Protein backbone atom coordinates (compact mmCIF):
# COMPACT_ATOMS: atom_id res chain seq x y z
CA MET A 1 98.80 -185.39 54.78
CA ARG A 2 101.35 -182.56 54.57
CA THR A 3 103.63 -180.52 56.78
CA HIS A 4 104.07 -177.58 54.42
CA TYR A 5 102.46 -175.96 51.40
CA CYS A 6 104.54 -176.19 48.24
CA GLY A 7 105.08 -172.44 47.95
CA SER A 8 106.11 -172.02 51.60
CA VAL A 9 109.25 -174.19 51.62
CA ASP A 10 112.39 -172.04 51.68
CA ALA A 11 116.01 -172.02 52.84
CA VAL A 12 114.94 -172.02 56.51
CA GLU A 13 113.94 -175.67 56.03
CA ILE A 14 117.37 -176.80 54.73
CA ASP A 15 118.20 -180.33 55.96
CA LYS A 16 114.69 -180.72 57.40
CA GLN A 17 112.21 -183.36 56.28
CA VAL A 18 108.95 -182.12 54.76
CA LYS A 19 105.80 -183.80 53.50
CA LEU A 20 104.10 -182.13 50.50
CA THR A 21 100.98 -182.75 48.42
CA GLY A 22 99.96 -181.27 45.09
CA TRP A 23 99.67 -181.60 41.35
CA VAL A 24 102.45 -182.32 38.87
CA HIS A 25 102.92 -179.03 37.07
CA ARG A 26 105.84 -180.15 34.92
CA ARG A 27 108.08 -183.25 34.76
CA ARG A 28 111.62 -183.26 33.37
CA ASP A 29 114.05 -186.16 32.94
CA HIS A 30 117.67 -184.92 32.93
CA GLY A 31 120.36 -187.55 32.54
CA GLY A 32 118.73 -190.12 34.75
CA VAL A 33 117.53 -187.66 37.39
CA ILE A 34 113.82 -186.77 37.35
CA PHE A 35 112.68 -183.28 38.35
CA ILE A 36 109.04 -182.50 39.06
CA ASP A 37 107.56 -179.07 39.75
CA LEU A 38 104.93 -179.84 42.37
CA ARG A 39 102.12 -177.29 42.59
CA ASP A 40 99.42 -176.38 45.04
CA HIS A 41 97.50 -173.14 45.60
CA SER A 42 100.53 -171.52 47.29
CA GLY A 43 102.99 -172.01 44.43
CA LEU A 44 105.60 -174.42 43.04
CA VAL A 45 108.47 -176.38 44.54
CA GLN A 46 111.00 -178.52 42.69
CA VAL A 47 111.21 -182.13 43.90
CA VAL A 48 113.99 -184.47 42.78
CA PHE A 49 113.99 -188.24 42.24
CA ASP A 50 117.36 -189.99 42.41
CA PRO A 51 117.88 -193.31 40.53
CA ASP A 52 119.63 -194.60 43.66
CA ARG A 53 116.10 -195.20 44.98
CA PRO A 54 114.84 -197.46 42.16
CA GLU A 55 111.45 -198.31 43.72
CA ILE A 56 110.55 -194.60 43.94
CA PHE A 57 112.28 -193.68 40.68
CA SER A 58 110.28 -196.23 38.68
CA VAL A 59 107.02 -194.71 39.95
CA ALA A 60 108.24 -191.18 39.13
CA GLU A 61 108.99 -192.31 35.56
CA ARG A 62 105.29 -193.09 35.07
CA VAL A 63 104.07 -189.81 36.52
CA ARG A 64 102.55 -187.26 34.10
CA ASN A 65 101.16 -183.72 34.26
CA GLU A 66 98.31 -183.16 36.74
CA TYR A 67 98.91 -186.40 38.65
CA VAL A 68 98.19 -185.84 42.34
CA LEU A 69 101.17 -186.76 44.53
CA GLN A 70 102.24 -186.96 48.13
CA VAL A 71 106.01 -186.74 48.62
CA THR A 72 108.21 -186.88 51.68
CA GLY A 73 111.82 -185.75 51.47
CA LYS A 74 114.68 -183.62 52.70
CA VAL A 75 115.11 -179.97 51.76
CA ARG A 76 118.47 -179.02 50.25
CA HIS A 77 120.08 -176.16 48.35
CA ARG A 78 119.77 -176.23 44.60
CA PRO A 79 123.09 -176.85 42.81
CA GLU A 80 125.07 -173.74 41.92
CA GLY A 81 123.79 -172.07 38.77
CA THR A 82 120.29 -173.57 39.00
CA VAL A 83 118.70 -171.10 41.45
CA ASN A 84 115.42 -169.64 40.11
CA PRO A 85 114.97 -166.07 41.42
CA ASP A 86 111.43 -165.91 40.01
CA LEU A 87 110.17 -168.49 42.51
CA SER A 88 109.78 -168.06 46.27
CA THR A 89 111.12 -171.63 46.50
CA GLY A 90 113.82 -171.02 43.89
CA GLU A 91 116.77 -171.50 46.25
CA ILE A 92 115.86 -175.02 47.35
CA GLU A 93 114.65 -178.40 46.15
CA VAL A 94 113.33 -181.49 47.90
CA LEU A 95 115.10 -184.82 47.50
CA VAL A 96 112.25 -187.33 47.62
CA GLU A 97 112.48 -190.24 50.06
CA GLU A 98 108.84 -191.41 49.82
CA LEU A 99 106.31 -191.09 46.99
CA GLU A 100 102.62 -191.93 46.79
CA VAL A 101 100.45 -191.34 43.73
CA LEU A 102 97.17 -190.15 45.24
CA ASN A 103 95.46 -190.02 41.86
CA ARG A 104 96.34 -190.35 38.20
CA ALA A 105 95.16 -187.89 35.54
CA ASP A 106 94.36 -188.15 31.88
CA THR A 107 96.18 -185.76 29.58
CA PRO A 108 94.50 -182.39 30.33
CA PRO A 109 92.69 -180.58 27.48
CA PHE A 110 95.16 -177.69 27.77
CA GLN A 111 98.40 -176.86 29.55
CA LEU A 112 98.03 -174.54 32.50
CA ASP A 113 100.77 -172.22 31.21
CA ASP A 114 99.20 -171.97 27.72
CA GLU A 115 97.87 -168.40 27.34
CA ASP A 116 96.18 -169.01 23.98
CA VAL A 117 93.40 -171.33 25.20
CA SER A 118 89.94 -170.19 24.06
CA GLU A 119 87.53 -169.04 26.74
CA ASP A 120 84.98 -171.70 25.73
CA VAL A 121 87.52 -174.45 26.44
CA ARG A 122 88.48 -172.84 29.74
CA LEU A 123 84.84 -172.64 30.82
CA ARG A 124 84.10 -176.21 29.67
CA TYR A 125 86.95 -177.48 31.86
CA ARG A 126 86.68 -174.79 34.52
CA TYR A 127 87.95 -177.08 37.29
CA ILE A 128 91.25 -177.30 35.41
CA ASP A 129 91.26 -173.61 34.52
CA LEU A 130 90.86 -172.79 38.21
CA ARG A 131 94.23 -174.44 38.90
CA ARG A 132 96.01 -171.73 36.92
CA PRO A 133 97.89 -169.28 39.18
CA VAL A 134 96.11 -166.25 37.72
CA MET A 135 92.70 -167.72 38.57
CA GLN A 136 93.89 -168.75 42.03
CA GLN A 137 95.14 -165.22 42.67
CA SER A 138 91.94 -163.59 41.38
CA LEU A 139 89.61 -165.68 43.52
CA ARG A 140 91.80 -165.29 46.59
CA LEU A 141 91.83 -161.53 46.08
CA ARG A 142 88.06 -161.62 45.76
CA ALA A 143 87.80 -163.51 49.06
CA ARG A 144 90.00 -160.88 50.74
CA VAL A 145 87.73 -158.17 49.32
CA ASN A 146 84.70 -159.81 50.93
CA THR A 147 86.51 -160.17 54.25
CA ALA A 148 87.63 -156.53 54.28
CA LEU A 149 84.17 -155.22 53.41
CA ARG A 150 82.48 -157.37 56.04
CA GLY A 151 85.00 -156.30 58.68
CA PHE A 152 84.46 -152.60 58.02
CA LEU A 153 80.67 -152.81 57.97
CA GLU A 154 80.50 -154.95 61.10
CA LYS A 155 82.69 -152.42 62.89
CA GLU A 156 80.34 -149.63 61.79
CA GLY A 157 77.32 -151.40 63.29
CA PHE A 158 75.80 -152.95 60.16
CA LEU A 159 73.85 -156.22 60.48
CA GLU A 160 74.22 -158.92 57.83
CA ILE A 161 70.65 -159.99 57.09
CA GLU A 162 69.52 -162.41 54.36
CA THR A 163 66.59 -161.56 52.11
CA PRO A 164 64.45 -163.97 50.04
CA MET A 165 65.60 -165.55 46.79
CA LEU A 166 62.02 -166.40 45.78
CA THR A 167 60.11 -163.15 45.48
CA LYS A 168 57.62 -161.29 43.28
CA ALA A 169 58.07 -160.07 39.72
CA THR A 170 58.05 -156.28 39.30
CA PRO A 171 57.27 -154.22 36.19
CA GLU A 172 60.45 -152.12 36.29
CA GLY A 173 64.10 -152.89 35.45
CA ALA A 174 65.45 -155.81 33.42
CA ARG A 175 63.61 -159.05 32.69
CA ASP A 176 63.07 -161.31 35.67
CA TYR A 177 64.06 -164.95 35.88
CA ILE A 178 60.75 -166.69 36.59
CA VAL A 179 60.33 -169.74 38.85
CA PRO A 180 57.07 -171.74 38.59
CA SER A 181 55.33 -172.75 41.82
CA ARG A 182 54.24 -176.39 42.21
CA THR A 183 52.09 -175.65 45.25
CA HIS A 184 50.37 -172.69 43.58
CA PRO A 185 49.67 -173.95 40.02
CA GLY A 186 49.86 -171.27 37.35
CA GLN A 187 51.66 -168.82 39.64
CA PHE A 188 55.32 -167.84 39.66
CA PHE A 189 58.09 -166.52 41.83
CA ALA A 190 60.82 -164.27 40.44
CA LEU A 191 64.49 -164.42 41.33
CA PRO A 192 65.53 -161.02 42.75
CA GLN A 193 67.17 -158.43 40.53
CA SER A 194 68.20 -156.84 43.83
CA PRO A 195 66.94 -156.92 47.43
CA GLN A 196 65.75 -153.33 47.01
CA LEU A 197 62.28 -153.52 48.55
CA PHE A 198 63.24 -155.96 51.27
CA LYS A 199 66.10 -153.78 52.49
CA GLN A 200 63.77 -150.78 52.59
CA LEU A 201 61.32 -152.86 54.63
CA LEU A 202 64.17 -153.76 57.00
CA MET A 203 64.68 -150.05 57.62
CA MET A 204 60.96 -149.70 58.28
CA GLY A 205 61.39 -152.60 60.70
CA GLY A 206 63.93 -150.62 62.72
CA MET A 207 67.08 -152.57 61.70
CA ASP A 208 68.90 -149.22 61.22
CA ARG A 209 71.96 -150.52 59.31
CA TYR A 210 71.84 -153.53 56.99
CA TYR A 211 74.23 -155.16 54.57
CA GLN A 212 74.34 -158.36 52.57
CA ILE A 213 76.68 -159.96 50.05
CA VAL A 214 73.92 -161.29 47.83
CA ARG A 215 73.36 -163.06 44.53
CA CYS A 216 71.10 -161.21 42.08
CA PHE A 217 69.62 -162.23 38.74
CA ARG A 218 68.79 -160.31 35.57
CA ASP A 219 67.70 -161.82 32.28
CA GLU A 220 69.40 -159.31 30.00
CA ASP A 221 71.90 -159.19 27.16
CA LEU A 222 75.44 -159.73 28.40
CA ARG A 223 78.65 -157.72 28.13
CA ALA A 224 82.15 -158.07 29.55
CA ASP A 225 80.99 -156.64 32.87
CA ARG A 226 77.58 -158.35 33.11
CA GLN A 227 76.33 -161.83 33.95
CA PRO A 228 72.81 -163.29 34.37
CA GLU A 229 73.67 -164.01 38.01
CA PHE A 230 76.00 -161.67 39.82
CA THR A 231 77.01 -160.66 43.33
CA GLN A 232 76.53 -157.30 44.93
CA LEU A 233 77.29 -155.72 48.26
CA ASP A 234 73.89 -154.40 49.31
CA ILE A 235 73.70 -151.65 51.93
CA GLU A 236 70.90 -149.65 53.53
CA THR A 237 70.85 -147.16 56.42
CA SER A 238 68.25 -145.20 58.36
CA PHE A 239 68.45 -141.55 59.42
CA MET A 240 71.41 -140.82 57.16
CA ASP A 241 71.42 -138.34 54.28
CA GLU A 242 73.28 -138.41 50.96
CA ALA A 243 76.44 -136.81 52.37
CA GLY A 244 76.51 -139.24 55.29
CA ILE A 245 76.08 -142.33 53.11
CA THR A 246 78.62 -141.34 50.46
CA GLY A 247 81.13 -140.27 53.11
CA LEU A 248 80.86 -143.61 54.91
CA MET A 249 81.23 -145.51 51.63
CA GLU A 250 84.40 -143.53 50.83
CA GLN A 251 85.87 -144.67 54.13
CA MET A 252 84.91 -148.26 53.33
CA LEU A 253 86.63 -148.15 49.93
CA VAL A 254 89.75 -146.50 51.37
CA ASN A 255 89.93 -149.26 54.00
CA LEU A 256 89.39 -151.93 51.30
CA PHE A 257 92.20 -150.75 49.00
CA GLU A 258 94.58 -150.34 51.90
CA GLN A 259 93.89 -153.82 53.31
CA VAL A 260 93.79 -155.77 50.07
CA LEU A 261 96.20 -153.90 47.78
CA GLY A 262 98.21 -151.86 50.24
CA GLU A 263 97.36 -148.69 48.31
CA ALA A 264 96.32 -145.33 49.74
CA ILE A 265 93.22 -143.65 48.29
CA GLU A 266 92.62 -139.96 48.88
CA ILE A 267 89.27 -138.72 50.16
CA PRO A 268 86.95 -137.01 49.67
CA PHE A 269 86.27 -138.30 46.16
CA LEU A 270 85.58 -135.78 43.43
CA ARG A 271 81.86 -135.06 42.99
CA MET A 272 80.32 -134.14 39.65
CA PRO A 273 76.69 -133.46 38.67
CA TYR A 274 75.26 -135.71 35.96
CA THR A 275 74.80 -132.82 33.52
CA GLU A 276 78.46 -131.83 33.85
CA ALA A 277 79.64 -135.40 33.31
CA MET A 278 77.60 -135.69 30.11
CA GLU A 279 78.69 -132.25 28.89
CA ARG A 280 82.42 -132.83 29.44
CA PHE A 281 82.78 -136.57 28.86
CA GLY A 282 79.62 -137.80 27.10
CA SER A 283 79.21 -140.40 29.84
CA ASP A 284 77.82 -140.70 33.36
CA LYS A 285 80.77 -142.96 34.23
CA PRO A 286 83.76 -141.08 32.82
CA ASP A 287 87.30 -142.42 33.06
CA LEU A 288 89.12 -139.47 34.58
CA ARG A 289 92.52 -141.00 33.81
CA ILE A 290 92.07 -139.90 30.18
CA PRO A 291 92.86 -136.16 29.76
CA LEU A 292 90.46 -135.58 26.86
CA GLU A 293 87.17 -133.68 27.09
CA LEU A 294 84.23 -132.85 24.86
CA VAL A 295 83.62 -129.18 24.06
CA SER A 296 80.12 -127.99 23.14
CA LEU A 297 79.72 -125.98 19.94
CA THR A 298 75.93 -126.06 19.66
CA ASP A 299 75.51 -122.29 19.99
CA VAL A 300 78.32 -121.56 17.53
CA MET A 301 76.85 -123.79 14.83
CA GLN A 302 73.29 -122.48 14.87
CA ALA A 303 74.03 -119.76 12.32
CA VAL A 304 76.08 -121.80 9.82
CA GLU A 305 74.56 -122.91 6.52
CA PHE A 306 76.11 -126.39 6.79
CA LYS A 307 73.00 -128.46 7.57
CA VAL A 308 75.00 -131.36 9.07
CA PHE A 309 75.90 -128.99 11.92
CA ALA A 310 73.05 -126.46 11.78
CA GLY A 311 70.28 -129.08 12.01
CA PRO A 312 71.35 -130.61 15.33
CA ALA A 313 72.39 -127.17 16.63
CA LYS A 314 68.85 -125.84 16.15
CA ASP A 315 67.20 -129.00 17.50
CA PRO A 316 66.35 -128.68 21.23
CA LYS A 317 67.37 -132.32 21.62
CA GLY A 318 70.45 -132.00 19.42
CA ARG A 319 74.08 -131.31 20.14
CA VAL A 320 77.25 -130.33 18.28
CA ALA A 321 80.48 -131.07 20.12
CA ALA A 322 84.20 -131.32 19.44
CA LEU A 323 86.91 -133.57 20.82
CA ARG A 324 90.52 -132.39 20.54
CA LEU A 325 93.25 -135.03 20.26
CA PRO A 326 96.66 -133.51 21.11
CA ALA A 327 99.31 -134.39 18.51
CA GLY A 328 96.64 -136.22 16.54
CA ALA A 329 97.32 -134.65 13.15
CA ASP A 330 99.59 -137.58 12.34
CA LEU A 331 96.61 -139.93 12.07
CA SER A 332 96.48 -141.59 8.66
CA ARG A 333 93.46 -141.65 6.40
CA LYS A 334 92.94 -145.31 7.24
CA GLU A 335 93.03 -144.61 10.98
CA ILE A 336 90.45 -141.85 10.56
CA ASP A 337 88.26 -144.20 8.53
CA ASP A 338 88.57 -146.83 11.26
CA TYR A 339 87.49 -144.34 13.91
CA THR A 340 84.61 -143.25 11.68
CA GLN A 341 83.48 -146.85 11.46
CA TYR A 342 83.88 -147.19 15.23
CA VAL A 343 81.61 -144.26 16.12
CA GLY A 344 79.09 -145.64 13.64
CA ARG A 345 78.42 -148.45 16.14
CA PHE A 346 76.99 -145.80 18.46
CA GLY A 347 74.67 -144.28 15.86
CA ALA A 348 76.94 -141.56 14.46
CA LYS A 349 76.45 -140.99 10.73
CA GLY A 350 80.03 -139.83 10.23
CA LEU A 351 83.08 -138.29 11.86
CA ALA A 352 84.06 -134.82 10.68
CA TYR A 353 87.53 -133.57 11.58
CA ILE A 354 90.02 -130.72 11.27
CA LYS A 355 93.80 -131.25 11.21
CA CYS A 356 95.70 -128.35 12.72
CA THR A 357 99.07 -128.06 10.96
CA ASP A 358 99.80 -124.33 11.36
CA ILE A 359 97.22 -122.38 13.37
CA ALA A 360 99.07 -119.09 12.92
CA ALA A 361 98.44 -119.37 9.16
CA GLY A 362 94.69 -119.29 9.76
CA ARG A 363 92.46 -121.28 7.43
CA ASP A 364 95.46 -122.13 5.22
CA GLY A 365 97.06 -123.98 8.12
CA LEU A 366 94.07 -126.29 8.59
CA GLN A 367 93.09 -129.40 6.64
CA SER A 368 89.49 -130.62 6.49
CA PRO A 369 86.76 -131.31 3.93
CA ILE A 370 84.28 -129.30 6.06
CA LEU A 371 86.26 -126.03 6.23
CA LYS A 372 84.61 -124.67 3.10
CA PHE A 373 81.23 -124.79 4.87
CA LEU A 374 82.38 -122.83 7.95
CA PRO A 375 82.84 -119.05 8.09
CA ASP A 376 86.01 -117.61 9.59
CA GLU A 377 84.40 -116.56 12.87
CA VAL A 378 83.13 -120.12 13.44
CA VAL A 379 86.54 -121.61 12.69
CA ASP A 380 88.12 -119.12 15.11
CA ALA A 381 85.57 -120.06 17.79
CA ILE A 382 86.30 -123.78 17.32
CA LEU A 383 90.04 -123.24 17.70
CA GLN A 384 89.59 -120.99 20.73
CA ARG A 385 87.14 -123.22 22.60
CA THR A 386 89.05 -126.42 22.00
CA GLY A 387 92.41 -124.82 22.80
CA ALA A 388 93.84 -126.36 19.64
CA GLU A 389 97.58 -126.24 18.99
CA ASN A 390 99.76 -127.11 16.05
CA GLY A 391 99.73 -130.85 15.40
CA ASP A 392 96.32 -131.44 16.98
CA MET A 393 93.28 -133.16 15.48
CA ILE A 394 89.73 -132.01 16.23
CA PHE A 395 86.87 -134.48 15.80
CA PHE A 396 83.21 -133.43 15.62
CA GLY A 397 79.87 -134.98 16.52
CA ALA A 398 76.54 -133.54 15.39
CA ASP A 399 73.26 -135.37 16.01
CA LYS A 400 70.79 -136.01 18.79
CA ALA A 401 72.53 -135.25 22.08
CA SER A 402 72.32 -138.91 23.11
CA VAL A 403 74.06 -140.03 19.89
CA VAL A 404 76.79 -137.39 20.16
CA ASN A 405 77.44 -138.25 23.80
CA ASP A 406 77.57 -142.00 23.14
CA ALA A 407 79.75 -141.69 20.03
CA LEU A 408 82.25 -139.05 21.17
CA GLY A 409 82.27 -140.45 24.70
CA ALA A 410 83.30 -143.85 23.36
CA LEU A 411 85.78 -142.29 20.92
CA ARG A 412 87.36 -140.38 23.80
CA VAL A 413 88.07 -143.65 25.63
CA LYS A 414 89.31 -145.44 22.52
CA LEU A 415 91.66 -142.61 21.58
CA GLY A 416 92.94 -142.52 25.16
CA ILE A 417 93.79 -146.23 25.00
CA ASP A 418 95.12 -146.26 21.42
CA ARG A 419 97.30 -143.18 21.95
CA LYS A 420 98.52 -144.37 25.38
CA LEU A 421 97.07 -141.34 27.16
CA VAL A 422 95.60 -143.26 30.11
CA GLU A 423 97.23 -142.06 33.30
CA PRO A 424 98.12 -144.56 36.06
CA GLY A 425 96.30 -144.83 39.37
CA TRP A 426 92.81 -145.09 40.80
CA ARG A 427 90.41 -142.24 39.95
CA PHE A 428 87.22 -142.34 42.00
CA LEU A 429 84.25 -140.11 41.27
CA TRP A 430 80.75 -139.56 42.62
CA VAL A 431 78.24 -138.68 39.89
CA THR A 432 75.26 -136.93 41.48
CA GLU A 433 72.08 -134.97 40.73
CA PHE A 434 70.70 -137.41 38.18
CA PRO A 435 67.38 -136.68 36.50
CA MET A 436 64.53 -138.55 38.17
CA PHE A 437 63.02 -139.65 34.85
CA GLU A 438 63.89 -140.11 31.19
CA TRP A 439 61.42 -140.06 28.30
CA ASP A 440 60.97 -143.29 26.36
CA GLU A 441 60.30 -142.27 22.74
CA LYS A 442 59.27 -145.79 21.75
CA ASP A 443 56.62 -146.29 24.43
CA LYS A 444 55.85 -142.57 24.84
CA ARG A 445 56.15 -142.65 28.61
CA TRP A 446 58.42 -141.65 31.44
CA GLN A 447 60.82 -144.19 32.92
CA ALA A 448 62.77 -144.04 36.17
CA LEU A 449 66.44 -143.34 35.43
CA HIS A 450 67.46 -145.44 38.44
CA HIS A 451 64.44 -147.13 40.05
CA PRO A 452 61.00 -145.90 41.14
CA PHE A 453 61.90 -145.80 44.85
CA THR A 454 64.53 -143.07 44.45
CA ALA A 455 63.63 -139.86 46.26
CA PRO A 456 63.36 -136.55 44.38
CA ARG A 457 65.15 -133.49 45.75
CA SER A 458 61.78 -131.75 46.08
CA ASP A 459 59.13 -133.02 48.48
CA ASP A 460 56.36 -131.30 46.49
CA ALA A 461 54.31 -134.09 44.88
CA GLY A 462 52.34 -131.58 42.81
CA ALA A 463 55.42 -129.96 41.29
CA LEU A 464 56.89 -133.40 40.61
CA SER A 465 53.79 -134.49 38.69
CA LYS A 466 53.53 -131.19 36.81
CA ASP A 467 57.03 -131.31 35.29
CA PRO A 468 58.65 -134.77 35.64
CA GLY A 469 61.40 -133.89 33.16
CA ALA A 470 62.74 -131.18 35.47
CA ALA A 471 62.88 -133.39 38.56
CA ILE A 472 66.32 -134.11 40.04
CA SER A 473 66.85 -137.17 42.21
CA LYS A 474 68.83 -137.86 45.36
CA ALA A 475 70.77 -140.55 43.49
CA TYR A 476 74.54 -141.06 43.41
CA ASP A 477 76.82 -143.42 41.50
CA VAL A 478 80.42 -144.17 42.42
CA VAL A 479 82.70 -144.57 39.40
CA LEU A 480 86.24 -145.97 39.29
CA ASN A 481 88.42 -145.62 36.18
CA GLY A 482 85.42 -145.48 33.87
CA THR A 483 83.49 -148.34 35.48
CA GLU A 484 80.39 -147.86 37.58
CA LEU A 485 81.20 -149.60 40.87
CA GLY A 486 77.91 -148.93 42.58
CA GLY A 487 74.80 -146.87 42.63
CA GLY A 488 72.41 -145.76 45.32
CA SER A 489 70.06 -143.09 46.50
CA VAL A 490 68.07 -141.68 49.33
CA ARG A 491 64.72 -143.51 49.15
CA ILE A 492 61.16 -142.26 49.15
CA HIS A 493 59.74 -142.61 52.66
CA ASN A 494 56.53 -140.67 52.02
CA ARG A 495 53.51 -142.54 50.61
CA GLU A 496 52.21 -139.49 48.72
CA ILE A 497 55.50 -139.00 46.89
CA GLN A 498 55.76 -142.72 46.11
CA GLN A 499 52.25 -142.75 44.66
CA ALA A 500 53.07 -139.66 42.57
CA VAL A 501 56.15 -141.39 41.13
CA PHE A 502 54.08 -144.45 40.25
CA ASN A 503 51.55 -142.23 38.48
CA ILE A 504 54.30 -140.52 36.45
CA LEU A 505 55.61 -143.96 35.43
CA ASN A 506 52.11 -144.87 34.22
CA ILE A 507 51.69 -147.42 37.02
CA ASN A 508 48.05 -146.94 37.95
CA GLU A 509 46.67 -147.47 41.45
CA GLN A 510 45.47 -150.99 40.71
CA GLU A 511 48.84 -152.10 39.29
CA ALA A 512 50.70 -150.33 42.10
CA GLU A 513 48.58 -152.17 44.64
CA GLU A 514 49.14 -155.52 42.90
CA LYS A 515 52.90 -155.09 42.55
CA PHE A 516 53.85 -152.87 45.48
CA GLY A 517 50.87 -152.95 47.84
CA PHE A 518 52.99 -154.25 50.70
CA LEU A 519 55.40 -151.31 50.31
CA LEU A 520 52.66 -148.69 50.10
CA GLU A 521 51.05 -150.15 53.19
CA ALA A 522 54.37 -150.18 55.06
CA LEU A 523 54.83 -146.49 54.24
CA ARG A 524 51.70 -145.77 56.30
CA TYR A 525 53.26 -146.99 59.54
CA GLY A 526 56.09 -144.61 60.30
CA ALA A 527 58.77 -145.23 57.66
CA PRO A 528 62.05 -143.52 58.64
CA PRO A 529 64.14 -141.48 56.20
CA HIS A 530 66.54 -144.02 54.70
CA GLY A 531 68.92 -144.61 51.83
CA GLY A 532 71.59 -146.95 50.61
CA ILE A 533 73.76 -148.22 47.83
CA ALA A 534 74.74 -151.44 46.07
CA PHE A 535 78.23 -152.25 44.78
CA GLY A 536 78.94 -154.74 42.00
CA LEU A 537 81.43 -157.06 43.70
CA ASP A 538 82.30 -158.79 40.43
CA ARG A 539 83.27 -155.48 38.83
CA LEU A 540 85.16 -154.38 41.93
CA ALA A 541 87.18 -157.61 42.02
CA MET A 542 87.80 -157.34 38.27
CA LEU A 543 89.30 -153.86 38.59
CA MET A 544 91.36 -154.64 41.68
CA SER A 545 92.81 -157.82 40.14
CA GLY A 546 93.49 -156.24 36.74
CA ALA A 547 91.27 -158.77 34.94
CA GLN A 548 89.63 -157.86 31.63
CA SER A 549 86.26 -159.46 32.34
CA ILE A 550 84.18 -160.29 35.40
CA ARG A 551 84.22 -163.89 34.17
CA ASP A 552 87.87 -164.00 35.23
CA VAL A 553 86.98 -163.27 38.86
CA MET A 554 83.98 -165.63 39.09
CA ALA A 555 84.45 -169.31 39.87
CA PHE A 556 81.75 -170.60 37.52
CA PRO A 557 80.50 -167.87 35.18
CA LYS A 558 78.12 -168.12 32.25
CA THR A 559 79.04 -167.44 28.62
CA GLN A 560 77.94 -164.46 26.54
CA THR A 561 74.79 -166.44 25.70
CA ALA A 562 74.00 -167.06 29.39
CA ALA A 563 74.94 -170.74 29.20
CA CYS A 564 77.11 -172.88 31.48
CA LEU A 565 79.46 -174.96 29.33
CA LEU A 566 80.62 -176.96 32.35
CA THR A 567 77.20 -178.35 33.33
CA ASP A 568 75.50 -177.84 29.96
CA ALA A 569 72.84 -175.61 31.48
CA PRO A 570 70.18 -174.53 30.76
CA ALA A 571 68.80 -177.95 29.87
CA PRO A 572 65.39 -179.55 29.20
CA VAL A 573 63.39 -181.09 32.04
CA ASP A 574 61.28 -184.20 31.72
CA GLU A 575 57.52 -184.24 31.20
CA LYS A 576 56.85 -185.41 34.76
CA GLN A 577 58.40 -182.28 36.23
CA LEU A 578 56.48 -180.08 33.81
CA ARG A 579 53.18 -181.79 34.72
CA GLU A 580 53.88 -181.27 38.42
CA LEU A 581 54.33 -177.57 37.67
CA SER A 582 51.21 -177.40 35.46
CA ILE A 583 53.36 -176.27 32.55
CA ARG A 584 53.02 -177.20 28.90
CA LEU A 585 55.75 -176.13 26.51
CA ARG A 586 54.98 -174.31 23.30
CA LYS A 587 57.76 -174.47 20.73
CA PRO A 588 58.82 -171.07 19.39
CA GLN A 589 57.55 -170.29 15.92
CA VAL A 590 60.15 -170.46 13.17
CA LYS A 591 59.93 -167.57 10.72
CA ASN A 592 60.22 -168.60 7.08
CA ASP A 593 62.42 -166.35 4.94
C-alpha cells in the first residue's frame, strides 16, 4: 500500500513517484491550493493538491484531521522561501496524482499538538494519544531498550525462561492480586509480585543463567513511578557472588546506554554502604547530581538546653542534622515558610534555620530565631562542620532519625531543583550493605528490608537469631539520578539459614511449610549458591526518554486509582460468573458520620 514512509521522503526522491499512507495531521487551504501534512510513525511530509485535478481536489476539500489517506504523487522541491529546516522532509513536497480516503474520522477529542490536554482525557482516548510523536518516540525507545538488553544477556549465556502468572499468595511484600479458581472452589491463585521463588528454583534446577522480561502485579498505593502492573527485567545466576553480579550488570547498562542513546557510561559505578547513604543524603537512593549533603550534629546538640535539639540528640533513635544551601541567605520569609510546609509532609514539626550574612562577625553576623538557645561553641561547631560561608543558609532537622532523613532528604532534592543545582549527566550508584531486617513499631516484629530470601553476610544462624538488628545482608540496589533502577541480592541457599530468617520474621514452621514448603524442600537437594537482580523497565525507559512519569512510557497504563479509563476497568461481573467461582459479594459497610 506504500512505497515509502512519510518521514523518509527526501531530496533524493526528487522527480520520482511515491505512494504514501498515513493520517491527516493538518490541512491548509491557501489560495485554491490545498496542503496536507500527512503523518505516520516516521514523521510528516507535505502533500499538495492542485485545482487542475478537480476530481482529486474535490475529495481533498472534504478531508479533515485524522482522516486516513493513501496518496500517490511526484516528489518535488518546495518553492523558494517555504523550506522547513525543522522537518527531515522539509526540503520537498509531494504533488498528489491519486488520492484514496481509506477511512474518515470524527473530530478528535483533542489536537495532537495540544500540550495542555489533561492526563485523564489522554488515557480515555489512549489510541489517539499514542499517535503523538512524543508517545511514538517513547515506546520506540522502550522497544530498543528491550532489544539491547536481550541481546546482551543472550550473548552472556542467559536463557529466557517464562515463569507462571498464576501462583501462590505469600505473606510478605505488598498486597497480592487474587484470582479465584473455578476448578478448586474457595481457593485462589495470586498474580506474581515477582518471579522470585521460581527463578531461585530454576537455579536449583541447574539452569545456571536465567532472565525474563516479565509482567508483575502489586496491589499498592500508586505514585509517579509505580503501577499496579509493571514490567521488570528479572535475572538470576548460579555460582556468582555479589561482585560478579554487579560487575556484569554494569556492563549490561553501559552497553544499553551506548546502543540506545549513544552515550558512554563510565565503570565501575560508585559503591556506597546503606549507612553512609542515609547519613550523607537521608536516602538510600540519593541523586548524586545535587551537590548538597546532610551533616550530622547529634553529638554537638546533646549538651544544649534547647529541648527541640537536645531531645532527639539524646534519643538513641533520634538525629539532629543540618543541610547547608550555598547562597541561600536570599530566601524570603515566604519561601522559608513554603519549605517548612513542605518538610511537614514528611513528618517534620518545623524547619529551623540560620542565615549566614557575615561569619567573620560571629554571632552578630548570623540571623536566626534559634541562636539565643545555642551557646557559642555549638554555633562555632555548626559553622565548621557545615563549611558555611557568607550568604549561605543552614537548615536543621531534629526528630526521630527516620523523620529527619525523610524530611531533609526530600528538602535536599527540592532545593537542588528549585535553585537549579542539578548537574547534567547520568550518575549511577550501587547502594550496598543493607540491614537484613527493620523493626516494625506498629506490629512489634521484625520485617525483611528487601525480602526473606536475601542472604545475610554471616552464615551463623545462631548469631543471626540472637541479634537480628545487627545483621547485614548481601543486598545491592542500583540507583540512577535519584531513582532506584533495580535491586537484588545473593540468595539464601542453606535450609538452616532460611528457616532462621523465617523464625525472625515470626513465620512459624507451620506457616513456613504452608507458604514456602516447596522452597524449603528444594533446599534439601543440593541448592547452588545463587543470586540475581530485577530492574524496573518502566522506570528505566522513563529516565532514558526524559519522561516525567512511567505512564508516559507505557502503552496502556492505569490511573492513580488503579483504573483503566480506556476500557472502564475494573468492572462488575455478572452473577453467573460469580456462581461458577463460588463467590458471593458482600457490599462494603458505609460508616455514618
